[in-house]
Amino acid sequence: MKDNQEAAAFGGRVRTGQVPVSVNYHFSRKCNKECLFCFHTATTSHVEKPENAKRGLTLLKQAGMKKINFAGGEPFLYPKFLGEMIDFCKETLQLESVSIVTNGSLVKEQFLQKHGRNIDILAVSCDSFNEATNIKIGRGSGDNVQKLYEIGSWCQKYDIKFKLNTVVNKFNHLEDMNDHLNALQPFRWKCFQVLIVTGENDSDKTLRNAHSLTISDDEFDRFCERHSSQTCLVPEPNRLMAKSYLILDEYMRFLDRNGQQPSKSILEVGVQQALQAVFWDEEAFVERGGIYDWNKSSCSSDSKDLEW
């Protein structure tokens, strides 16, 4: 039964990992924070030219992409590029969903006022409601919580789905966030177990070494249990997270979480050939809730099921 439902969600196609339904485009590695667990570290300063990025996004749409998520680094370091890509994806490509993941520090109301009509989801990283903990993690500036509430109010004002992302780690796994979550009311709260990625945050030879922040599966489960009353909670333990994301890097190459080399750029070899060079666990993508109400209009009664 489950296999039939999943096949239906993908338009009846056999799921072979060759349909890039949801893509995370990390168009820059540059960031204004130094989170100790970061798994997409600032090893380059490259950002594609807008015309090249648009060509790549068009190829992805033609290959079956329905949802694009702009991430980094910190995408709001490049507001002009980000705004142009958002508008292109909604107005020209007419994608079902356009989302952004940000640390929140550089989000401005003026940007949301200008581009909010084309943003379905704004996901803000929130690892603690204790500023001292945020500073310890490397994300803190002393006003993270205040800024988070501000962004939440802007999302409501400009009809953008407000989402929270939390990396559960050594410094925050004992925290009780329920009161703030009840106040903020995000439509979705992703809780990730801190993840070690080969070549990114796995040793003293990489820019980050996140081994000191890892937690056990039991510690992660207890954190999730403490917040189980939150209907927006979507837990992502390492077993689901590691290979279930289709990640496109700043050169428009797919990254392989099996520790292999990235694919060649889709601008060079096309989407299908690039996909064949990496492993994307599409079953884990479905299991972790990768298909959900990711479009603004999906809140309406006549669009509960996504069309593929």
Protein backbone atom coordinates (compact mmCIF):
# COMPACT_ATOMS: atom_id res chain seq x y z
CA MET A 1 0.00 0.00 0.00
CA LYS A 2 2.78 2.41 0.97
CA ASP A 3 4.63 1.75 -2.31
CA ASN A 4 1.47 2.50 -4.28
CA GLN A 5 0.96 5.77 -2.42
CA GLU A 6 4.54 6.83 -3.03
CA ALA A 7 4.33 5.91 -6.71
CA ALA A 8 1.18 8.01 -6.99
CA ALA A 9 2.96 10.94 -5.36
CA PHE A 10 5.59 10.74 -8.08
CA GLY A 11 3.03 10.70 -10.86
CA GLY A 12 3.02 6.92 -11.20
CA ARG A 13 6.67 6.84 -12.19
CA VAL A 14 8.99 4.22 -10.77
CA ARG A 15 11.20 5.98 -8.24
CA THR A 16 14.72 5.43 -9.46
CA GLY A 17 16.36 8.48 -7.95
CA GLN A 18 16.41 10.16 -11.34
CA VAL A 19 13.59 12.67 -10.81
CA PRO A 20 14.87 15.70 -8.88
CA VAL A 21 11.52 16.49 -7.27
CA SER A 22 12.97 18.65 -4.49
CA VAL A 23 16.40 20.28 -4.81
CA ASN A 24 18.45 22.17 -2.24
CA TYR A 25 20.54 24.73 -4.11
CA HIS A 26 23.44 25.88 -1.92
CA PHE A 27 24.39 28.68 -4.30
CA SER A 28 27.08 30.08 -1.99
CA ARG A 29 29.23 28.68 0.80
CA LYS A 30 29.93 32.11 2.28
CA CYS A 31 28.34 32.76 5.68
CA ASN A 32 28.38 35.44 8.37
CA LYS A 33 28.19 32.87 11.19
CA GLU A 34 30.61 30.19 12.38
CA CYS A 35 28.40 27.34 13.54
CA LEU A 36 30.61 24.60 14.88
CA PHE A 37 28.61 21.79 13.29
CA CYS A 38 28.25 23.30 9.79
CA PHE A 39 28.35 20.61 7.10
CA HIS A 40 28.55 22.94 4.08
CA THR A 41 31.62 24.94 4.97
CA ALA A 42 33.01 28.02 3.23
CA THR A 43 35.71 26.41 1.09
CA THR A 44 35.03 28.63 -1.98
CA SER A 45 33.59 32.07 -2.71
CA HIS A 46 32.02 31.10 -6.04
CA VAL A 47 28.51 32.16 -7.02
CA GLU A 48 27.19 31.38 -10.50
CA LYS A 49 26.35 34.20 -12.87
CA PRO A 50 22.58 34.80 -12.82
CA GLU A 51 22.16 33.70 -16.43
CA ASN A 52 23.95 30.41 -15.73
CA ALA A 53 21.95 29.79 -12.56
CA LYS A 54 18.70 30.39 -14.44
CA ARG A 55 19.75 27.97 -17.17
CA GLY A 56 20.53 25.32 -14.55
CA LEU A 57 17.22 25.88 -12.75
CA THR A 58 15.41 25.57 -16.08
CA LEU A 59 17.12 22.23 -16.73
CA LEU A 60 16.03 21.03 -13.29
CA LYS A 61 12.43 22.07 -13.93
CA GLN A 62 12.47 20.20 -17.23
CA ALA A 63 13.80 17.13 -15.41
CA GLY A 64 10.90 17.15 -12.93
CA MET A 65 11.81 19.56 -10.14
CA LYS A 66 8.75 20.80 -8.23
CA LYS A 67 10.38 22.49 -5.26
CA ILE A 68 13.55 24.55 -4.94
CA ASN A 69 15.16 25.44 -1.63
CA PHE A 70 17.78 28.20 -1.63
CA ALA A 71 20.43 27.66 1.03
CA GLY A 72 24.06 28.35 1.75
CA GLY A 73 26.21 29.46 3.43
CA GLU A 74 23.86 32.34 4.12
CA PRO A 75 21.71 33.19 1.07
CA PHE A 76 20.81 36.68 2.32
CA LEU A 77 24.43 37.75 1.86
CA TYR A 78 23.39 38.01 -1.81
CA PRO A 79 19.93 39.62 -1.69
CA LYS A 80 19.94 40.78 -5.32
CA PHE A 81 20.85 37.33 -6.66
CA LEU A 82 18.45 35.60 -4.27
CA GLY A 83 15.55 37.88 -5.15
CA GLU A 84 16.16 37.44 -8.88
CA MET A 85 16.24 33.65 -8.56
CA ILE A 86 13.11 33.55 -6.40
CA ASP A 87 11.11 35.61 -8.87
CA PHE A 88 12.43 33.58 -11.82
CA CYS A 89 11.48 30.26 -10.21
CA LYS A 90 7.93 31.35 -9.44
CA GLU A 91 7.06 33.68 -12.29
CA THR A 92 8.94 32.04 -15.19
CA LEU A 93 9.39 28.39 -14.17
CA GLN A 94 6.15 28.37 -12.12
CA LEU A 95 7.52 25.93 -9.57
CA GLU A 96 5.11 24.59 -6.96
CA SER A 97 7.30 25.72 -4.09
CA VAL A 98 10.13 28.18 -3.51
CA SER A 99 11.75 28.19 -0.09
CA ILE A 100 14.78 29.70 1.64
CA VAL A 101 16.84 28.52 4.59
CA THR A 102 18.56 31.30 6.51
CA ASN A 103 20.16 32.01 9.86
CA GLY A 104 17.84 35.03 9.97
CA SER A 105 20.40 37.67 10.83
CA LEU A 106 20.23 39.47 7.47
CA VAL A 107 16.54 39.10 6.67
CA LYS A 108 14.93 42.50 6.09
CA GLU A 109 11.26 43.35 5.83
CA GLN A 110 11.93 45.31 2.63
CA PHE A 111 13.10 42.11 0.90
CA LEU A 112 9.99 40.19 1.96
CA GLN A 113 7.78 43.08 0.93
CA LYS A 114 9.32 42.97 -2.56
CA HIS A 115 9.64 39.21 -3.11
CA GLY A 116 7.32 37.67 -0.52
CA ARG A 117 4.59 36.93 -3.09
CA ASN A 118 7.01 34.44 -4.67
CA ILE A 119 8.25 32.82 -1.43
CA ASP A 120 6.27 29.86 -0.17
CA ILE A 121 8.44 29.01 2.85
CA LEU A 122 11.01 30.88 4.90
CA ALA A 123 12.92 28.52 7.17
CA VAL A 124 14.97 30.10 9.93
CA SER A 125 17.69 28.23 11.81
CA CYS A 126 16.98 28.29 15.52
CA ASP A 127 19.22 26.11 17.67
CA SER A 128 18.41 27.64 21.04
CA PHE A 129 16.26 30.23 22.76
CA ASN A 130 19.12 30.84 25.16
CA GLU A 131 21.46 33.45 23.68
CA ALA A 132 24.45 32.10 25.60
CA THR A 133 23.91 28.71 23.97
CA ASN A 134 23.64 30.29 20.52
CA ILE A 135 26.94 32.08 21.09
CA LYS A 136 28.56 28.83 22.25
CA ILE A 137 27.38 27.09 19.07
CA GLY A 138 28.79 29.88 16.91
CA ARG A 139 25.47 31.31 15.75
CA GLY A 140 24.86 33.87 18.42
CA SER A 141 24.88 37.64 18.20
CA GLY A 142 22.84 38.33 21.32
CA ASP A 143 19.58 39.10 19.52
CA ASN A 144 18.74 35.82 17.75
CA VAL A 145 15.49 35.26 19.64
CA GLN A 146 14.24 38.81 19.13
CA LYS A 147 15.03 38.60 15.42
CA LEU A 148 13.25 35.25 15.15
CA TYR A 149 10.02 36.69 16.52
CA GLU A 150 10.37 39.64 14.17
CA ILE A 151 10.74 37.37 11.13
CA GLY A 152 7.78 35.30 12.28
CA SER A 153 5.58 38.41 12.30
CA TRP A 154 6.81 39.42 8.83
CA CYS A 155 5.99 35.99 7.44
CA GLN A 156 2.46 36.33 8.75
CA LYS A 157 2.20 39.82 7.27
CA TYR A 158 3.40 38.78 3.81
CA ASP A 159 1.68 35.37 3.66
CA ILE A 160 4.85 33.26 3.85
CA LYS A 161 4.93 29.91 5.61
CA PHE A 162 7.18 30.23 8.66
CA LYS A 163 9.39 27.24 9.38
CA LEU A 164 12.05 26.55 12.01
CA ASN A 165 15.14 24.34 11.67
CA THR A 166 16.97 23.12 14.78
CA VAL A 167 20.20 21.14 14.89
CA VAL A 168 20.08 19.09 18.08
CA ASN A 169 23.58 18.84 19.51
CA LYS A 170 25.63 18.62 22.69
CA PHE A 171 24.85 22.19 23.73
CA ASN A 172 21.06 22.24 23.31
CA HIS A 173 19.75 18.67 23.58
CA LEU A 174 18.53 19.22 27.17
CA GLU A 175 16.66 22.44 26.37
CA ASP A 176 12.87 22.73 26.60
CA MET A 177 11.66 24.92 23.73
CA ASN A 178 7.92 24.33 24.10
CA ASP A 179 6.91 27.77 25.38
CA HIS A 180 8.59 29.58 22.50
CA LEU A 181 7.23 27.13 19.94
CA ASN A 182 3.73 27.66 21.29
CA ALA A 183 4.20 31.40 20.88
CA LEU A 184 5.82 31.32 17.43
CA GLN A 185 3.51 28.67 15.92
CA PRO A 186 5.70 27.60 12.96
CA PHE A 187 3.87 25.47 10.42
CA ARG A 188 6.81 23.04 10.40
CA TRP A 189 9.72 22.46 12.80
CA LYS A 190 12.55 20.31 11.49
CA CYS A 191 14.82 18.87 14.17
CA PHE A 192 18.07 17.46 12.82
CA GLN A 193 20.47 15.27 14.75
CA VAL A 194 23.88 16.90 14.29
CA LEU A 195 25.47 15.20 11.29
CA ILE A 196 29.09 14.41 10.39
CA VAL A 197 29.78 14.79 6.65
CA THR A 198 32.99 13.49 5.14
CA GLY A 199 35.26 16.28 3.93
CA GLU A 200 33.15 19.04 5.46
CA ASN A 201 33.09 18.79 9.27
CA ASP A 202 34.68 15.44 10.09
CA SER A 203 38.25 16.17 11.22
CA ASP A 204 40.83 18.75 12.22
CA LYS A 205 41.82 18.89 8.55
CA THR A 206 38.46 20.41 7.59
CA LEU A 207 37.24 23.92 8.40
CA ARG A 208 34.91 22.47 11.04
CA ASN A 209 35.18 19.41 13.26
CA ALA A 210 31.74 18.61 14.66
CA HIS A 211 32.63 15.42 16.52
CA SER A 212 32.61 17.25 19.86
CA LEU A 213 28.97 18.26 19.29
CA THR A 214 27.53 14.87 18.39
CA ILE A 215 24.87 13.23 20.52
CA SER A 216 23.59 9.69 20.82
CA ASP A 217 20.41 8.44 19.14
CA ASP A 218 18.85 8.15 22.62
CA GLU A 219 19.67 11.78 23.44
CA PHE A 220 18.11 12.88 20.16
CA ASP A 221 15.03 10.76 20.80
CA ARG A 222 14.63 12.25 24.29
CA PHE A 223 14.77 15.77 22.88
CA CYS A 224 12.04 14.89 20.39
CA GLU A 225 9.96 13.20 23.08
CA ARG A 226 10.17 16.34 25.23
CA HIS A 227 8.59 18.24 22.34
CA SER A 228 6.21 15.56 21.10
CA SER A 229 3.17 17.73 21.81
CA GLN A 230 4.27 20.05 19.00
CA THR A 231 2.26 19.00 15.95
CA CYS A 232 4.73 20.84 13.71
CA LEU A 233 7.65 18.63 14.83
CA VAL A 234 9.46 16.68 12.09
CA PRO A 235 12.39 14.73 13.57
CA GLU A 236 15.33 13.83 11.33
CA PRO A 237 17.80 11.41 12.88
CA ASN A 238 21.06 10.75 11.06
CA ARG A 239 19.75 7.61 9.36
CA LEU A 240 17.16 9.66 7.46
CA MET A 241 19.13 12.83 6.90
CA ALA A 242 22.46 11.56 5.62
CA LYS A 243 21.52 10.66 2.04
CA SER A 244 17.94 11.83 1.60
CA TYR A 245 18.69 15.37 0.44
CA LEU A 246 19.42 16.20 -3.18
CA ILE A 247 22.02 18.94 -2.83
CA LEU A 248 23.26 21.15 -5.65
CA ASP A 249 26.40 23.09 -4.80
CA GLU A 250 27.66 26.50 -5.87
CA TYR A 251 28.98 25.07 -9.18
CA MET A 252 25.60 23.41 -9.84
CA ARG A 253 27.01 19.96 -9.12
CA PHE A 254 25.13 17.32 -7.16
CA LEU A 255 26.91 16.33 -3.95
CA ASP A 256 27.27 12.68 -3.00
CA ARG A 257 26.81 11.94 0.70
CA ASN A 258 28.52 8.56 0.21
CA GLY A 259 31.78 10.45 0.34
CA GLN A 260 32.34 10.29 -3.41
CA GLN A 261 33.28 13.19 -5.65
CA PRO A 262 30.47 15.54 -6.71
CA SER A 263 28.93 15.13 -10.12
CA LYS A 264 29.91 17.29 -13.04
CA SER A 265 27.91 20.51 -13.36
CA ILE A 266 24.43 20.15 -14.77
CA LEU A 267 25.37 23.09 -16.99
CA GLU A 268 28.00 20.87 -18.56
CA VAL A 269 26.45 17.38 -18.70
CA GLY A 270 22.74 17.89 -18.01
CA VAL A 271 20.63 16.78 -15.08
CA GLN A 272 20.27 13.07 -15.82
CA GLN A 273 23.97 12.39 -16.31
CA ALA A 274 24.82 14.39 -13.20
CA LEU A 275 22.26 12.46 -11.13
CA GLN A 276 23.71 9.14 -12.24
CA ALA A 277 27.02 10.11 -10.63
CA VAL A 278 25.58 10.42 -7.10
CA PHE A 279 23.42 8.47 -4.69
CA TRP A 280 20.14 10.00 -3.55
CA ASP A 281 18.06 7.86 -1.19
CA GLU A 282 14.62 8.66 -2.52
CA GLU A 283 12.89 6.23 -0.13
CA ALA A 284 14.45 8.02 2.85
CA PHE A 285 13.35 11.31 1.25
CA VAL A 286 9.75 10.13 1.35
CA GLU A 287 10.11 8.55 4.81
CA ARG A 288 11.38 11.77 6.39
CA GLY A 289 8.36 13.65 5.06
CA GLY A 290 10.04 15.22 2.05
CA ILE A 291 6.64 15.56 0.39
CA TYR A 292 4.35 17.90 2.33
CA ASP A 293 2.20 21.02 2.03
CA TRP A 294 5.01 23.09 0.60
CA ASN A 295 2.94 25.58 -1.40
CA LYS A 296 1.03 28.56 -0.04
CA SER A 297 -2.10 27.46 -1.85
CA SER A 298 -1.85 23.96 -0.34
CA CYS A 299 -3.61 25.36 2.72
CA SER A 300 -6.79 25.68 0.70
CA SER A 301 -9.33 22.89 0.73
CA ASP A 302 -9.05 22.16 -3.00
CA SER A 303 -5.31 21.47 -3.01
CA LYS A 304 -4.61 19.07 -0.17
CA ASP A 305 -2.83 16.67 -2.51
CA LEU A 306 0.18 17.83 -4.47
CA GLU A 307 -0.06 17.45 -8.21
CA TRP A 308 2.84 15.76 -9.95
